[in-house]
Structures are given as structure tokens and as C-alpha cells.
Protein backbone atom coordinates (compact mmCIF):
# COMPACT_ATOMS: atom_id res chain seq x y z
CA UNK A 1 0.00 0.00 0.00
CA UNK A 2 1.05 3.58 -0.54
CA UNK A 3 2.71 5.23 2.46
CA UNK A 4 3.68 8.74 3.45
CA UNK A 5 7.44 8.90 2.75
CA UNK A 6 9.60 11.99 2.19
CA UNK A 7 10.81 12.41 -1.38
CA UNK A 8 14.15 10.73 -1.89
CA UNK A 9 13.62 8.18 0.90
CA UNK A 10 12.93 4.49 0.35
CA UNK A 11 9.22 3.79 0.43
CA UNK A 12 6.48 1.67 -1.10
CA UNK A 13 4.26 3.57 -3.52
CA UNK A 14 2.44 2.94 -6.77
CA UNK A 15 5.65 2.39 -8.73
CA UNK A 16 6.93 -0.26 -6.33
CA UNK A 17 3.56 -2.02 -6.15
CA UNK A 18 3.43 -2.11 -9.95
CA UNK A 19 6.84 -3.76 -10.09
CA UNK A 20 5.97 -6.27 -7.36
CA UNK A 21 2.73 -7.15 -9.13
CA UNK A 22 4.55 -7.66 -12.41
CA UNK A 23 7.12 -9.95 -10.81
CA UNK A 24 4.39 -11.87 -8.96
CA UNK A 25 2.66 -12.53 -12.29
CA UNK A 26 5.94 -13.60 -13.89
CA UNK A 27 6.93 -15.97 -11.08
CA UNK A 28 3.46 -17.44 -10.43
CA UNK A 29 2.22 -17.26 -14.02
CA UNK A 30 -1.08 -16.08 -12.55
CA UNK A 31 -3.10 -12.86 -12.72
CA UNK A 32 -4.56 -12.46 -9.24
CA UNK A 33 -5.36 -8.78 -8.79
CA UNK A 34 -6.22 -8.93 -5.10
CA UNK A 35 -2.79 -10.21 -4.03
CA UNK A 36 -1.47 -6.63 -3.83
CA UNK A 37 -3.26 -3.35 -3.24
CA UNK A 38 -2.30 0.21 -4.03
CA UNK A 39 -2.05 -0.73 -7.71
CA UNK A 40 -2.37 1.71 -10.60
CA UNK A 41 -5.83 2.03 -12.13
CA UNK A 42 -5.03 0.27 -15.45
CA UNK A 43 -4.33 -3.03 -13.67
CA UNK A 44 -6.87 -3.19 -10.88
CA UNK A 45 -6.22 -0.21 -8.63
CA UNK A 46 -8.96 1.76 -6.87
CA UNK A 47 -9.87 5.39 -7.13
CA UNK A 48 -8.96 7.52 -4.05
CA UNK A 49 -6.62 4.83 -2.68
CA UNK A 50 -3.70 7.33 -2.45
CA UNK A 51 -5.84 9.87 -0.59
CA UNK A 52 -7.77 7.34 1.49
CA UNK A 53 -5.85 7.52 4.77
CA UNK A 54 -6.16 11.30 4.86
CA UNK A 55 -9.81 11.25 3.83
CA UNK A 56 -10.56 8.64 6.49
CA UNK A 57 -8.81 10.61 9.22
CA UNK A 58 -10.91 13.66 8.39
CA UNK A 59 -14.10 11.57 8.43
CA UNK A 60 -13.12 10.15 11.82
CA UNK A 61 -12.36 13.64 13.10
CA UNK A 62 -15.78 14.78 11.94
CA UNK A 63 -17.44 12.25 14.23
CA UNK A 64 -15.29 13.45 17.14
CA UNK A 65 -16.33 17.03 16.46
CA UNK A 66 -20.00 16.09 16.29
CA UNK A 67 -19.70 14.48 19.74
CA UNK A 68 -18.84 17.94 21.08
CA UNK A 69 -21.54 19.65 18.98
CA UNK A 70 -18.74 21.12 16.91
CA UNK A 71 -17.78 21.10 13.23
CA UNK A 72 -14.85 21.67 10.87
CA UNK A 73 -16.28 24.95 9.64
CA UNK A 74 -13.69 27.69 10.20
CA UNK A 75 -11.23 25.36 11.95
CA UNK A 76 -7.48 25.79 11.55
CA UNK A 77 -5.51 22.55 11.24
CA UNK A 78 -1.79 22.02 11.81
CA UNK A 79 -0.66 19.04 9.74
CA UNK A 80 2.71 17.31 9.48
CA UNK A 81 4.12 15.49 6.48
CA UNK A 82 3.61 16.26 2.80
CA UNK A 83 2.82 12.88 1.29
CA UNK A 84 -0.36 10.97 0.54
CA UNK A 85 -1.89 11.28 4.01
CA UNK A 86 -1.33 15.03 4.31
CA UNK A 87 -2.49 15.50 0.72
CA UNK A 88 -5.73 13.67 1.53
CA UNK A 89 -6.30 15.59 4.77
CA UNK A 90 -5.84 18.95 3.02
CA UNK A 91 -8.37 18.08 0.31
CA UNK A 92 -11.09 16.63 2.53
CA UNK A 93 -10.66 19.25 5.27
CA UNK A 94 -11.18 21.94 2.65
CA UNK A 95 -14.45 20.26 1.61
CA UNK A 96 -15.60 20.46 5.25
CA UNK A 97 -14.73 24.16 5.54
CA UNK A 98 -11.50 23.82 7.51
CA UNK A 99 -8.03 25.06 6.60
CA UNK A 100 -4.74 23.13 6.76
CA UNK A 101 -2.05 25.74 7.42
CA UNK A 102 1.10 23.62 7.80
CA UNK A 103 2.97 20.87 5.99
CA UNK A 104 6.33 19.52 7.10
CA UNK A 105 9.32 17.34 6.31
CA UNK A 106 12.73 16.52 7.69
CA UNK A 107 14.04 19.94 6.64
CA UNK A 108 11.38 21.93 8.53
CA UNK A 109 7.82 23.08 8.06
CA UNK A 110 5.82 25.47 5.91
CA UNK A 111 3.19 27.81 7.35
CA UNK A 112 0.62 28.81 4.73
CA UNK A 113 -1.78 31.30 6.33
CA UNK A 114 -4.12 31.09 3.33
CA UNK A 115 -4.35 27.32 3.66
CA UNK A 116 -3.27 24.35 1.57
CA UNK A 117 -6.65 24.60 -0.09
CA UNK A 118 -6.43 24.81 -3.89
CA UNK A 119 -5.94 22.29 -6.66
CA UNK A 120 -2.71 24.02 -7.64
CA UNK A 121 -1.30 23.54 -4.14
CA UNK A 122 -2.43 19.92 -3.94
CA UNK A 123 -0.84 19.22 -7.32
CA UNK A 124 2.40 20.76 -6.07
CA UNK A 125 2.35 18.42 -3.06
CA UNK A 126 2.22 15.54 -5.53
CA UNK A 127 5.25 17.00 -7.32
CA UNK A 128 7.18 17.41 -4.06
CA UNK A 129 6.73 13.79 -3.06
CA UNK A 130 7.58 12.39 -6.50
CA UNK A 131 10.55 14.56 -7.53
CA UNK A 132 13.78 14.64 -5.56
CA UNK A 133 14.73 18.11 -6.81
CA UNK A 134 11.69 19.85 -5.29
CA UNK A 135 11.75 20.80 -1.61
CA UNK A 136 9.30 22.22 0.91
CA UNK A 137 11.07 25.57 0.63
CA UNK A 138 10.00 25.62 -3.02
CA UNK A 139 6.36 25.43 -1.91
CA UNK A 140 6.88 28.40 0.39
CA UNK A 141 8.49 30.45 -2.36
CA UNK A 142 5.89 29.51 -4.97
CA UNK A 143 2.85 30.31 -2.83
CA UNK A 144 4.17 33.12 -0.62
CA UNK A 145 4.20 31.03 2.55
CA UNK A 146 6.67 30.92 5.45
CA UNK A 147 9.37 28.25 5.64
CA UNK A 148 10.72 27.37 9.10
CA UNK A 149 13.86 25.22 8.70
CA UNK A 150 14.58 22.52 11.24
CA UNK A 151 11.33 23.01 13.17
CA UNK A 152 8.13 21.05 13.78
CA UNK A 153 4.71 22.59 13.03
CA UNK A 154 3.28 22.07 16.52
CA UNK A 155 4.00 25.60 17.77
CA UNK A 156 1.48 27.09 15.30
CA UNK A 157 -1.84 28.29 16.70
CA UNK A 158 -4.49 25.78 15.62
CA UNK A 159 -7.78 24.17 16.57
CA UNK A 160 -6.78 20.66 15.50
CA UNK A 161 -3.56 18.76 14.85
CA UNK A 162 -3.19 15.98 12.30
CA UNK A 163 0.23 14.31 12.69
CA UNK A 164 0.65 12.51 9.36
CA UNK A 165 4.37 11.89 9.03
CA UNK A 166 6.24 9.60 11.43
CA UNK A 167 6.09 7.69 14.69
CA UNK A 168 6.69 9.69 17.91
CA UNK A 169 6.68 13.05 16.16
CA UNK A 170 4.56 14.73 18.86
CA UNK A 171 6.50 14.62 22.10
CA UNK A 172 5.48 16.01 25.48
CA UNK A 173 6.93 19.46 24.76
CA UNK A 174 5.02 19.55 21.48
CA UNK A 175 1.82 18.60 23.29
CA UNK A 176 2.39 21.48 25.71
CA UNK A 177 2.74 23.90 22.79
CA UNK A 178 -0.44 22.59 21.20
CA UNK A 179 -2.39 23.03 24.45
CA UNK A 180 -0.98 26.53 24.95
CA UNK A 181 -2.06 27.50 21.45
CA UNK A 182 -5.64 26.32 21.87
CA UNK A 183 -5.55 22.96 20.12
CA UNK A 184 -8.41 20.76 21.34
CA UNK A 185 -8.09 17.73 19.07
CA UNK A 186 -5.32 15.49 17.79
CA UNK A 187 -6.33 13.09 15.02
CA UNK A 188 -3.53 10.65 14.23
CA UNK A 189 -2.93 10.15 10.51
CA UNK A 190 0.47 8.48 10.91
CA UNK A 191 1.18 5.29 12.87
CA UNK A 192 1.68 6.04 16.58
CA UNK A 193 2.79 9.66 16.01
CA UNK A 194 2.13 10.78 19.60
CA UNK A 195 4.33 9.56 22.45
CA UNK A 196 2.69 8.15 25.61
CA UNK A 197 3.91 11.17 27.58
CA UNK A 198 2.42 13.55 25.02
CA UNK A 199 -0.89 11.66 25.04
CA UNK A 200 -1.03 11.83 28.83
CA UNK A 201 -0.35 15.56 28.86
CA UNK A 202 -2.75 16.41 26.03
CA UNK A 203 -5.68 14.34 27.28
CA UNK A 204 -4.95 15.49 30.84
CA UNK A 205 -5.54 19.08 29.69
CA UNK A 206 -9.00 18.49 28.19
CA UNK A 207 -7.71 17.52 24.78
CA UNK A 208 -9.25 14.67 22.75
CA UNK A 209 -7.10 12.27 20.76
CA UNK A 210 -8.27 10.02 17.93
CA UNK A 211 -5.81 7.10 17.95
CA UNK A 212 -4.03 5.92 14.82
CA UNK A 213 -5.35 2.36 14.90
CA UNK A 214 -8.83 3.81 14.36
CA UNK A 215 -8.35 7.24 12.78
CA UNK A 216 -5.90 6.22 10.06
CA UNK A 217 -7.67 3.02 9.01
CA UNK A 218 -8.92 4.60 5.79
CA UNK A 219 -5.96 3.39 3.76
CA UNK A 220 -6.36 -0.29 4.58
CA UNK A 221 -10.14 0.12 4.29
CA UNK A 222 -9.84 1.22 0.68
CA UNK A 223 -7.28 -1.53 0.09
CA UNK A 224 -10.03 -3.95 1.13
CA UNK A 225 -12.43 -2.14 -1.21
CA UNK A 226 -9.83 -2.49 -3.97
CA UNK A 227 -9.73 -6.24 -3.38
CA UNK A 228 -13.54 -6.35 -3.50
CA UNK A 229 -13.52 -4.59 -6.86
CA UNK A 230 -10.88 -7.03 -8.12
CA UNK A 231 -13.02 -10.01 -7.06
CA UNK A 232 -16.05 -8.52 -8.77
CA UNK A 233 -14.08 -7.56 -11.89
CA UNK A 234 -15.63 -4.14 -11.47
CA UNK A 235 -14.52 -0.56 -10.79
CA UNK A 236 -16.53 1.73 -8.55
CA UNK A 237 -16.68 5.46 -9.19
CA UNK A 238 -14.74 7.90 -7.04
CA UNK A 239 -18.00 8.89 -5.32
CA UNK A 240 -18.91 5.26 -4.57
CA UNK A 241 -15.52 4.49 -3.01
CA UNK A 242 -15.59 7.71 -1.00
CA UNK A 243 -19.09 6.97 0.31
CA UNK A 244 -18.09 3.46 1.37
CA UNK A 245 -14.96 4.81 3.07
CA UNK A 246 -17.05 7.37 4.94
CA UNK A 247 -19.38 4.64 6.20
CA UNK A 248 -16.46 2.48 7.33
CA UNK A 249 -14.85 5.32 9.29
CA UNK A 250 -18.13 6.19 11.01
CA UNK A 251 -18.53 2.52 11.99
CA UNK A 252 -14.97 2.39 13.37
CA UNK A 253 -15.63 5.48 15.46
CA UNK A 254 -18.99 4.20 16.73
CA UNK A 255 -17.52 0.80 17.65
CA UNK A 256 -14.76 2.48 19.65
CA UNK A 257 -17.21 4.71 21.51
CA UNK A 258 -19.52 1.78 22.24
CA UNK A 259 -16.68 -0.38 23.58
CA UNK A 260 -15.48 2.37 25.93
CA UNK A 261 -18.99 2.94 27.23
CA UNK A 262 -19.60 -0.81 27.67
CA UNK A 263 -16.74 -1.02 30.15
CA UNK A 264 -17.48 2.21 31.97
CA UNK A 265 -14.57 4.15 30.48
CA UNK A 266 -16.55 7.15 29.31
CA UNK A 267 -15.50 8.90 26.13
CA UNK A 268 -12.05 7.31 25.86
CA UNK A 269 -11.36 6.77 22.16
CA UNK A 270 -7.96 5.20 22.77
CA UNK A 271 -9.13 2.48 25.15
CA UNK A 272 -12.32 2.08 23.14
CA UNK A 273 -10.37 1.37 19.94
CA UNK A 274 -8.10 -1.08 21.77
CA UNK A 275 -11.02 -2.98 23.25
CA UNK A 276 -13.11 -2.99 20.06
CA UNK A 277 -10.20 -4.39 18.05
CA UNK A 278 -9.34 -6.97 20.71
CA UNK A 279 -12.92 -8.19 21.09
CA UNK A 280 -13.32 -8.57 17.33
CA UNK A 281 -10.30 -10.87 17.17
CA UNK A 282 -11.26 -12.84 20.29
CA UNK A 283 -14.86 -13.36 19.16
CA UNK A 284 -13.67 -14.66 15.79
CA UNK A 285 -11.16 -17.02 17.43
CA UNK A 286 -13.77 -18.44 19.79
CA UNK A 287 -16.34 -18.86 17.03
CA UNK A 288 -13.78 -20.78 14.95
CA UNK A 289 -12.47 -22.89 17.84
CA UNK A 290 -9.01 -21.32 17.68
CA UNK A 291 -8.31 -20.85 21.38
């Protein structure tokens, strides 16, 4: 599957999946589309697969906001990364009326006060992550934004934070900055991007965190939808895939909330997601006699 990797680093994207699929066919002498996901459209890929993790995180965040009788409208979002996940968050957040004002990489972060909110800017993000000679500083120069070398984006005033780059990128000091600047929600787009200490501080100061194992499930969800399309020998429209993804993310959120409430844990999305995932596996094992 496609992952959020800085340009020039080793990662698995559409090009690598295409090569792996070709070699699988050559070695096995079989054309089994569902064996790999994240494929290009001409040989069994799915629409919105590259954007899916970001889209899903925004859908999950929307359910969190609704719990607090809130919405994305007018919200400012600090986002890290500049690959597929960040690209998806920027697009879907714009649809909901929010504004992503930061993107980041190993060399620093960009602050775009106007928002990463136009097709031209989204297309440039695609260029950055596919061409080694384009850097984040080039985005800042092209669109009149600020480039902050060697810094993280978590000191920017924001309503929500979407860490979408790497593991452990929000540390306790970063969580303190987010709280000081009025951030109320962290929605994890990357895998385990918030350290335990940062989680404890943020949630201990009335912040709400949507954990990665639930909030960033959109990518694997659309991989499953890709496999379904392969089995059916059919391709859904962009709107159909997006609608199914939305439904899946709402279900993930609701299952997490229900699990937390079932065990008297209140509105704890982290423990709720852990329990919901655990119970699903245990119930399946028991039903199949694998215990």
C-alpha cells in the first residue's frame, strides 16, 4: 500500500507495487489482482486509494467534532508530512470548511496562512513527493508562505492537529505547545505519532485524541475495497468508493465509543479502539475454535 514517505527516501508507492505485481505474475504465471493493493488504475487499482488515509482521518475527526456539537467549519488545522496522508487531509478538510495551514518534512515546516486549499497547491504536493529536486522551501516560495527550517509545526496556533508523518513526532513538549495554542483535538494520521507522555499531557488538559489504529484506518479500508472490486471484476466510481470509506470510518468510530462505554470508560477513544479491536479478534477465534 502507498505510504507517506519523504521524497528521496525508500518507500512503497504505486511504482513499487506495480513492479511487485509484475514480478508476482511472472513468477506465479497467474493474474490475481487482489494479491497486492495500491495498484495503478489500469491493472486493478482503486480510485482515491492514495488519498484514502487522509480522507478517512478527516471523516473520523468529523465524528469526534460532532460528539462535542462542533464542526470543521472555520477550523485551523496544523498538519505534518507532505505525502499521501497530508495530501488527503488537506483536500477533505477543505471540503468540510477547515483550513490546513502547515505541511512539514525533515528539513522543517511550511506555514501557509491562506491554507493548503487549492488544486494548484495539492498538485504541487504531488510533485514534491515524486521529484527529488523539489523541496518544501520551493512550496513556500511559490505560494508566498513561510518556511521554518529545522522546526516542527506544533507551535502554530491551531484548533486541530493531524500528525501525518512519522512515529513519535509529537512529544510532550510539542503537546504542551499545542495546548498553549488552543488545540483541542489530535487526530492521528500516521502510525503512533504521539508519544505516551504527550498523550497523557494532552488528554490530561481536556484535549481529545483520535488514535491511529482507528483514525488512520482509511488506507487499509480502501485496500479492502480495492480487493472487492478485483473479485467482482468491477470498478466503482470515485464517489462510490468515497461513500463506502465514509461509512467504514463512522462505523470504526462508533464501535470504539460503544466499547469504551460498555466497560465504563466514558468517552475514551484510545481504550475504546483497543477494546473494540481486541474483542473482534477474540470473538472470531472463539467462534472458529481457535483458542
